[in-house]
Amino acid sequence: MSIINKIFGEPEIRALDPQNKAEVKKMIDQLVQIGKTDDFISLAPGGPFDYQYHHRDAKAIGRRLYEIGGEELMMAVRQTIKYKLKDVLAEHLDHAWKGIGNWRP
């Protein structure tokens, strides 16, 4: 992530119309909160985690991001999460988003 992207955000997010941009920023905040409190994957299903050990809300956010802007937007959000929560949690998010489009970071 370049210094410009750290300051202003990823280009794919900046290019969105105001309504979608606000929604995406809210989803990023939700993902940061999930990452800090629960993680995106678990060792066992139950609670916020589905039978694949993926956080249900994180997966739903990934699906919505895909609807708005496809894999390019998902990758931009993933980069933002990597910046805010570091590599390990970004990799966990990758696992949670498996099966959405052709998700392969």
Protein backbone atom coordinates (compact mmCIF):
# COMPACT_ATOMS: atom_id res chain seq x y z
CA MET A 1 0.00 0.00 0.00
CA SER A 2 1.50 3.31 -1.04
CA ILE A 3 1.63 6.31 1.25
CA ILE A 4 -1.05 8.01 -0.88
CA ASN A 5 -3.33 5.00 -0.51
CA LYS A 6 -2.69 4.94 3.25
CA ILE A 7 -3.75 8.56 3.50
CA PHE A 8 -6.61 8.70 0.98
CA GLY A 9 -7.65 5.04 0.70
CA GLU A 10 -7.49 2.56 -2.13
CA PRO A 11 -8.35 3.91 -5.62
CA GLU A 12 -11.16 1.38 -6.08
CA ILE A 13 -12.83 2.73 -2.95
CA ARG A 14 -12.19 6.39 -3.79
CA ALA A 15 -13.79 5.90 -7.23
CA LEU A 16 -17.13 4.76 -5.79
CA ASP A 17 -20.19 7.00 -5.78
CA PRO A 18 -20.80 8.67 -2.40
CA GLN A 19 -23.50 6.24 -1.28
CA ASN A 20 -21.46 3.12 -2.03
CA LYS A 21 -18.32 4.72 -0.62
CA ALA A 22 -20.10 5.40 2.69
CA GLU A 23 -21.40 1.82 2.77
CA VAL A 24 -17.94 0.40 2.05
CA LYS A 25 -16.33 2.53 4.74
CA LYS A 26 -18.93 1.28 7.22
CA MET A 27 -18.19 -2.31 6.20
CA ILE A 28 -14.45 -1.70 6.65
CA ASP A 29 -15.14 -0.44 10.16
CA GLN A 30 -17.20 -3.56 10.84
CA LEU A 31 -14.42 -5.80 9.53
CA VAL A 32 -11.86 -4.05 11.71
CA GLN A 33 -14.09 -4.59 14.73
CA ILE A 34 -14.62 -8.27 13.85
CA GLY A 35 -10.89 -8.74 13.38
CA LYS A 36 -10.09 -7.14 16.71
CA THR A 37 -12.75 -8.96 18.73
CA ASP A 38 -13.45 -12.33 17.08
CA ASP A 39 -11.01 -12.90 14.18
CA PHE A 40 -12.32 -13.95 10.75
CA ILE A 41 -11.80 -17.68 11.25
CA SER A 42 -12.17 -19.98 14.23
CA LEU A 43 -11.01 -23.39 15.41
CA ALA A 44 -14.63 -24.48 15.86
CA PRO A 45 -18.05 -23.54 14.47
CA GLY A 46 -20.65 -21.86 16.60
CA GLY A 47 -21.51 -18.37 17.75
CA PRO A 48 -20.58 -15.98 14.94
CA PHE A 49 -18.79 -18.75 12.99
CA ASP A 50 -20.38 -21.01 10.38
CA TYR A 51 -19.72 -24.72 9.82
CA GLN A 52 -16.63 -23.82 7.75
CA TYR A 53 -15.22 -21.85 10.72
CA HIS A 54 -15.68 -18.55 8.87
CA HIS A 55 -17.14 -15.49 10.55
CA ARG A 56 -20.69 -15.13 9.19
CA ASP A 57 -20.75 -11.32 9.19
CA ALA A 58 -17.33 -11.08 7.51
CA LYS A 59 -18.53 -13.46 4.81
CA ALA A 60 -21.74 -11.44 4.31
CA ILE A 61 -19.66 -8.27 3.99
CA GLY A 62 -17.49 -9.96 1.37
CA ARG A 63 -20.60 -10.92 -0.63
CA ARG A 64 -21.89 -7.35 -0.50
CA LEU A 65 -18.51 -5.95 -1.56
CA TYR A 66 -18.55 -8.36 -4.50
CA GLU A 67 -22.02 -7.11 -5.49
CA ILE A 68 -20.85 -3.50 -5.39
CA GLY A 69 -17.47 -3.77 -7.09
CA GLY A 70 -16.41 -7.35 -7.69
CA GLU A 71 -13.08 -8.83 -6.75
CA GLU A 72 -11.29 -5.53 -7.38
CA LEU A 73 -13.22 -3.86 -4.57
CA MET A 74 -12.76 -6.89 -2.33
CA MET A 75 -9.01 -6.70 -2.90
CA ALA A 76 -9.00 -2.97 -2.09
CA VAL A 77 -10.83 -3.64 1.17
CA ARG A 78 -8.48 -6.53 1.93
CA GLN A 79 -5.51 -4.19 1.46
CA THR A 80 -7.13 -1.73 3.85
CA ILE A 81 -7.66 -4.49 6.41
CA LYS A 82 -4.04 -5.57 5.97
CA TYR A 83 -2.93 -2.01 6.68
CA LYS A 84 -5.19 -1.66 9.73
CA LEU A 85 -4.89 -5.17 11.24
CA LYS A 86 -1.67 -6.56 9.71
CA ASP A 87 -0.86 -9.61 7.56
CA VAL A 88 -2.17 -12.49 9.67
CA LEU A 89 -5.70 -11.15 9.99
CA ALA A 90 -5.76 -10.22 6.29
CA GLU A 91 -4.88 -13.85 5.51
CA HIS A 92 -7.65 -15.02 7.84
CA LEU A 93 -10.04 -12.76 5.95
CA ASP A 94 -8.91 -14.44 2.72
CA HIS A 95 -10.09 -17.76 4.14
CA ALA A 96 -13.41 -16.32 5.28
CA TRP A 97 -14.05 -14.98 1.77
CA LYS A 98 -13.36 -18.27 -0.02
CA GLY A 99 -16.21 -19.09 -2.38
CA ILE A 100 -17.18 -15.47 -3.09
CA GLY A 101 -16.76 -15.00 -6.83
CA ASN A 102 -13.36 -16.40 -7.73
CA TRP A 103 -11.72 -14.99 -4.62
CA ARG A 104 -7.99 -15.66 -4.67
CA PRO A 105 -5.89 -12.86 -3.20
